[in-house]
Protein backbone atom coordinates (compact mmCIF):
# COMPACT_ATOMS: atom_id res chain seq x y z
CA MET A 1 26.00 189.54 -24.64
CA GLU A 2 27.27 189.99 -21.15
CA PHE A 3 28.71 187.21 -18.97
CA GLY A 4 29.83 186.94 -15.38
CA THR A 5 32.79 184.61 -15.94
CA LEU A 6 35.79 184.43 -18.22
CA ASP A 7 35.04 180.76 -18.88
CA GLY A 8 31.57 181.71 -20.08
CA ILE A 9 32.97 184.29 -22.45
CA LEU A 10 35.68 182.00 -23.81
CA GLY A 11 33.26 179.09 -24.15
CA CYS A 12 30.92 181.16 -26.30
CA VAL A 13 33.75 182.39 -28.48
CA ALA A 14 35.06 178.82 -28.81
CA VAL A 15 31.73 177.68 -30.31
CA GLY A 16 31.51 180.65 -32.66
CA LEU A 17 29.07 182.92 -30.82
CA GLY A 18 31.22 186.03 -31.07
CA CYS A 19 34.57 187.55 -30.28
CA THR A 20 36.07 189.35 -27.31
CA LEU A 21 39.03 191.34 -26.03
CA MET A 22 40.97 189.58 -23.30
CA PRO A 23 44.52 189.29 -21.99
CA ARG A 24 46.48 186.69 -23.98
CA TRP A 25 47.65 184.83 -20.87
CA ILE A 26 44.05 184.10 -19.90
CA VAL A 27 43.33 182.66 -23.34
CA HIS A 28 46.48 180.51 -23.37
CA ARG A 29 45.65 179.05 -19.95
CA SER A 30 41.99 178.37 -20.71
CA LEU A 31 40.32 175.06 -21.50
CA TYR A 32 39.49 176.48 -24.91
CA ALA A 33 42.99 177.56 -25.97
CA GLU A 34 43.21 175.07 -28.85
CA GLN A 35 39.89 176.24 -30.31
CA LEU A 36 40.62 179.98 -30.27
CA GLY A 37 42.45 182.21 -32.69
CA VAL A 38 44.37 185.13 -31.19
CA THR A 39 45.03 188.38 -33.02
CA LYS A 40 47.56 190.79 -31.55
CA LEU A 41 46.24 194.35 -31.25
CA PRO A 42 48.31 197.42 -32.15
CA ALA A 43 50.22 198.76 -29.14
CA ARG A 44 48.33 202.05 -29.21
CA ILE A 45 45.10 200.30 -28.21
CA ALA A 46 46.39 197.10 -26.58
CA TYR A 47 47.31 198.60 -23.22
CA VAL A 48 44.74 200.39 -21.13
CA PRO A 49 45.09 201.88 -17.67
CA THR A 50 43.49 199.73 -14.97
CA VAL A 51 42.20 201.27 -11.77
CA MET A 52 40.80 200.10 -8.46
CA ILE A 53 37.52 201.76 -7.53
CA HIS A 54 35.24 202.10 -4.53
CA HIS A 55 32.14 204.11 -3.69
CA ARG A 56 33.00 207.79 -3.50
CA ASP A 57 31.36 208.35 -0.10
CA MET A 58 32.81 205.28 1.58
CA PRO A 59 36.40 204.73 2.67
CA ALA A 60 38.26 202.01 0.81
CA LEU A 61 38.00 198.66 2.54
CA ALA A 62 41.10 197.29 4.26
CA ALA A 63 41.05 194.37 1.80
CA LEU A 64 41.19 196.78 -1.14
CA ASN A 65 44.15 198.59 0.40
CA THR A 66 45.91 195.26 1.03
CA LEU A 67 45.36 194.20 -2.57
CA ARG A 68 46.66 197.55 -3.83
CA ASP A 69 49.76 197.32 -1.64
CA SER A 70 50.42 193.73 -2.77
CA ILE A 71 50.23 194.70 -6.42
CA VAL A 72 52.55 197.66 -5.94
CA GLU A 73 55.05 195.51 -4.03
CA CYS A 74 55.04 192.73 -6.64
CA ASP A 75 55.45 195.01 -9.62
CA VAL A 76 54.50 192.05 -11.83
CA ASP A 77 55.06 192.28 -15.58
CA ILE A 78 52.65 189.80 -17.18
CA ASN A 79 54.28 190.44 -20.54
CA GLY A 80 57.36 188.65 -19.22
CA ILE A 81 55.65 185.30 -18.65
CA GLY A 82 56.65 183.87 -22.01
CA LEU A 83 53.33 183.91 -23.85
CA ASP A 84 54.29 186.27 -26.66
């Protein structure tokens, strides 16, 4: 199945309609946290590169550049938020 929201995905998993891959912090902060089991993945497959994309023939929107710059400036480490 394919869903447009994280809540939709987690809700389906919570009632037994499947399983999913998702960042742990999203699961722990969800309405369904108490109903879900979490299995840690091996490090070799747990971390994947994330990229920002735009149409090849169009310049990146100013909003996309602002988001990119904000992320680079923050240098946030979500693994340090105490959910391990």
